[in-house]
N, C-alpha and C. Protein backbone atom coordinates (compact mmCIF):
# COMPACT_ATOMS: atom_id res chain seq x y z
N MET A 1 0.84 -1.20 0.00
CA MET A 1 0.00 0.00 0.00
C MET A 1 0.87 1.25 0.00
N SER A 2 0.43 2.25 -0.70
CA SER A 2 1.16 3.51 -0.67
C SER A 2 0.75 4.31 0.55
N SER A 3 1.51 5.35 0.84
CA SER A 3 1.25 6.14 2.05
C SER A 3 -0.02 6.98 1.94
N SER A 4 -0.52 7.21 0.71
CA SER A 4 -1.72 8.03 0.56
C SER A 4 -3.01 7.21 0.70
N GLU A 5 -2.88 5.90 0.67
CA GLU A 5 -4.07 5.06 0.80
C GLU A 5 -4.48 4.99 2.27
N PRO A 6 -5.79 5.03 2.52
CA PRO A 6 -6.25 4.98 3.91
C PRO A 6 -5.97 3.62 4.54
N GLN A 7 -5.63 3.65 5.81
CA GLN A 7 -5.33 2.42 6.54
C GLN A 7 -6.57 1.87 7.26
N THR A 8 -7.50 2.77 7.59
CA THR A 8 -8.70 2.35 8.32
C THR A 8 -9.93 2.88 7.62
N ASP A 9 -11.07 2.37 8.04
CA ASP A 9 -12.33 2.87 7.49
C ASP A 9 -12.53 4.34 7.81
N ARG A 10 -12.11 4.74 8.99
CA ARG A 10 -12.25 6.15 9.39
C ARG A 10 -11.45 7.06 8.46
N GLU A 11 -10.21 6.67 8.16
CA GLU A 11 -9.38 7.45 7.24
C GLU A 11 -10.01 7.52 5.86
N LEU A 12 -10.58 6.41 5.43
CA LEU A 12 -11.27 6.38 4.13
C LEU A 12 -12.44 7.35 4.12
N LEU A 13 -13.23 7.34 5.17
CA LEU A 13 -14.37 8.26 5.26
C LEU A 13 -13.93 9.71 5.29
N ILE A 14 -12.84 9.98 5.97
CA ILE A 14 -12.31 11.35 6.02
C ILE A 14 -11.88 11.79 4.62
N GLN A 15 -11.18 10.91 3.90
CA GLN A 15 -10.75 11.25 2.53
C GLN A 15 -11.95 11.47 1.62
N MET A 16 -12.96 10.61 1.75
CA MET A 16 -14.16 10.76 0.91
C MET A 16 -14.87 12.07 1.22
N ASN A 17 -14.94 12.42 2.49
CA ASN A 17 -15.60 13.66 2.88
C ASN A 17 -14.85 14.87 2.32
N GLU A 18 -13.53 14.85 2.36
CA GLU A 18 -12.74 15.95 1.82
C GLU A 18 -12.96 16.08 0.31
N LYS A 19 -12.98 14.95 -0.38
CA LYS A 19 -13.20 14.99 -1.83
C LYS A 19 -14.61 15.49 -2.16
N LEU A 20 -15.57 15.07 -1.38
CA LEU A 20 -16.95 15.53 -1.60
C LEU A 20 -17.07 17.03 -1.36
N ASP A 21 -16.38 17.54 -0.35
CA ASP A 21 -16.39 18.99 -0.10
C ASP A 21 -15.81 19.75 -1.28
N ARG A 22 -14.73 19.21 -1.87
CA ARG A 22 -14.14 19.87 -3.05
C ARG A 22 -15.09 19.86 -4.23
N ILE A 23 -15.81 18.77 -4.40
CA ILE A 23 -16.78 18.68 -5.51
C ILE A 23 -17.91 19.68 -5.31
N VAL A 24 -18.41 19.79 -4.10
CA VAL A 24 -19.49 20.74 -3.81
C VAL A 24 -19.01 22.17 -4.04
N ASP A 25 -17.80 22.49 -3.60
CA ASP A 25 -17.26 23.83 -3.82
C ASP A 25 -17.13 24.14 -5.31
N CYS A 26 -16.67 23.15 -6.06
CA CYS A 26 -16.52 23.32 -7.51
C CYS A 26 -17.89 23.55 -8.16
N SER A 27 -18.87 22.80 -7.73
CA SER A 27 -20.23 22.94 -8.26
C SER A 27 -20.79 24.33 -7.95
N ASP A 28 -20.57 24.81 -6.73
CA ASP A 28 -21.03 26.15 -6.36
C ASP A 28 -20.35 27.22 -7.19
N ASP A 29 -19.05 27.03 -7.45
CA ASP A 29 -18.29 27.97 -8.26
C ASP A 29 -18.85 28.01 -9.69
N HIS A 30 -19.16 26.85 -10.25
CA HIS A 30 -19.73 26.81 -11.60
C HIS A 30 -21.09 27.50 -11.63
N GLU A 31 -21.88 27.32 -10.60
CA GLU A 31 -23.20 27.94 -10.56
C GLU A 31 -23.08 29.46 -10.55
N VAL A 32 -22.12 29.99 -9.79
CA VAL A 32 -21.91 31.44 -9.74
C VAL A 32 -21.48 31.95 -11.12
N ARG A 33 -20.58 31.23 -11.76
CA ARG A 33 -20.11 31.65 -13.09
C ARG A 33 -21.25 31.62 -14.12
N ILE A 34 -22.08 30.61 -14.06
CA ILE A 34 -23.19 30.50 -15.01
C ILE A 34 -24.19 31.64 -14.79
N ARG A 35 -24.47 31.97 -13.53
CA ARG A 35 -25.39 33.08 -13.25
C ARG A 35 -24.84 34.40 -13.79
N GLU A 36 -23.52 34.63 -13.63
CA GLU A 36 -22.92 35.84 -14.17
C GLU A 36 -23.05 35.89 -15.69
N LEU A 37 -22.85 34.75 -16.34
CA LEU A 37 -23.00 34.71 -17.80
C LEU A 37 -24.44 34.98 -18.22
N GLU A 38 -25.40 34.45 -17.46
CA GLU A 38 -26.81 34.68 -17.78
C GLU A 38 -27.16 36.16 -17.64
N HIS A 39 -26.64 36.81 -16.59
CA HIS A 39 -26.92 38.24 -16.41
C HIS A 39 -26.32 39.06 -17.55
N SER A 40 -25.10 38.73 -17.95
CA SER A 40 -24.48 39.48 -19.04
C SER A 40 -25.22 39.21 -20.36
N PHE A 41 -25.76 38.00 -20.52
CA PHE A 41 -26.52 37.67 -21.72
C PHE A 41 -27.74 38.58 -21.84
N TRP A 42 -28.49 38.77 -20.75
CA TRP A 42 -29.68 39.62 -20.81
C TRP A 42 -29.31 41.08 -20.99
N LYS A 43 -28.18 41.50 -20.46
CA LYS A 43 -27.73 42.89 -20.68
C LYS A 43 -27.41 43.10 -22.16
N MET A 44 -26.77 42.11 -22.80
CA MET A 44 -26.44 42.23 -24.21
C MET A 44 -27.70 42.25 -25.07
N ILE A 45 -28.69 41.45 -24.71
CA ILE A 45 -29.95 41.47 -25.46
C ILE A 45 -30.61 42.84 -25.33
N GLY A 46 -30.62 43.40 -24.13
CA GLY A 46 -31.20 44.73 -23.93
C GLY A 46 -30.47 45.80 -24.71
N LEU A 47 -29.13 45.74 -24.68
CA LEU A 47 -28.34 46.71 -25.42
C LEU A 47 -28.57 46.58 -26.93
N THR A 48 -28.63 45.36 -27.41
CA THR A 48 -28.88 45.13 -28.83
C THR A 48 -30.27 45.64 -29.24
N ALA A 49 -31.26 45.41 -28.39
CA ALA A 49 -32.61 45.89 -28.68
C ALA A 49 -32.65 47.42 -28.71
N ALA A 50 -31.96 48.05 -27.78
CA ALA A 50 -31.92 49.53 -27.76
C ALA A 50 -31.24 50.08 -29.01
N ILE A 51 -30.14 49.47 -29.42
CA ILE A 51 -29.43 49.91 -30.62
C ILE A 51 -30.32 49.72 -31.85
N ALA A 52 -31.01 48.59 -31.92
CA ALA A 52 -31.89 48.34 -33.06
C ALA A 52 -33.04 49.35 -33.10
N PHE A 53 -33.59 49.69 -31.94
CA PHE A 53 -34.66 50.67 -31.89
C PHE A 53 -34.19 52.03 -32.36
N VAL A 54 -33.05 52.49 -31.85
CA VAL A 54 -32.52 53.80 -32.23
C VAL A 54 -32.16 53.81 -33.71
N THR A 55 -31.56 52.74 -34.20
CA THR A 55 -31.21 52.66 -35.62
C THR A 55 -32.46 52.70 -36.49
N GLY A 56 -33.47 51.97 -36.09
CA GLY A 56 -34.72 51.98 -36.85
C GLY A 56 -35.40 53.33 -36.82
N LEU A 57 -35.38 53.98 -35.66
CA LEU A 57 -36.02 55.30 -35.51
C LEU A 57 -35.34 56.33 -36.40
N PHE A 58 -34.00 56.40 -36.30
CA PHE A 58 -33.29 57.39 -37.11
C PHE A 58 -33.20 56.98 -38.58
N GLY A 59 -33.18 55.70 -38.85
CA GLY A 59 -33.16 55.23 -40.22
C GLY A 59 -34.45 55.58 -40.96
N SER A 60 -35.55 55.51 -40.25
CA SER A 60 -36.82 55.87 -40.89
C SER A 60 -36.91 57.37 -41.14
N LYS A 61 -36.29 58.16 -40.28
CA LYS A 61 -36.31 59.63 -40.46
C LYS A 61 -35.44 60.04 -41.62
N ILE A 62 -34.32 59.35 -41.81
CA ILE A 62 -33.41 59.70 -42.89
C ILE A 62 -34.03 59.39 -44.24
N ASN A 63 -34.75 58.29 -44.35
CA ASN A 63 -35.36 57.89 -45.61
C ASN A 63 -36.70 58.61 -45.85
N GLY A 64 -37.06 59.50 -44.99
CA GLY A 64 -38.30 60.24 -45.18
C GLY A 64 -39.52 59.56 -44.62
N GLY A 65 -39.35 58.60 -43.73
CA GLY A 65 -40.45 57.83 -43.19
C GLY A 65 -41.04 58.44 -42.01
């Protein structure tokens, strides 16, 4: 056995718990990143809609509409 392998059931449970904590932290980090991307997505849609509205408004005035 190598030195990193658990010698008892207790050590095994401790290692499993540590790994599970890391997985949960990673999952929480991904959730935060995804929420930030979703917020920026809606901001870009709003900005694009505003630009399209202004372009359409002034474009119709230029063409005599």
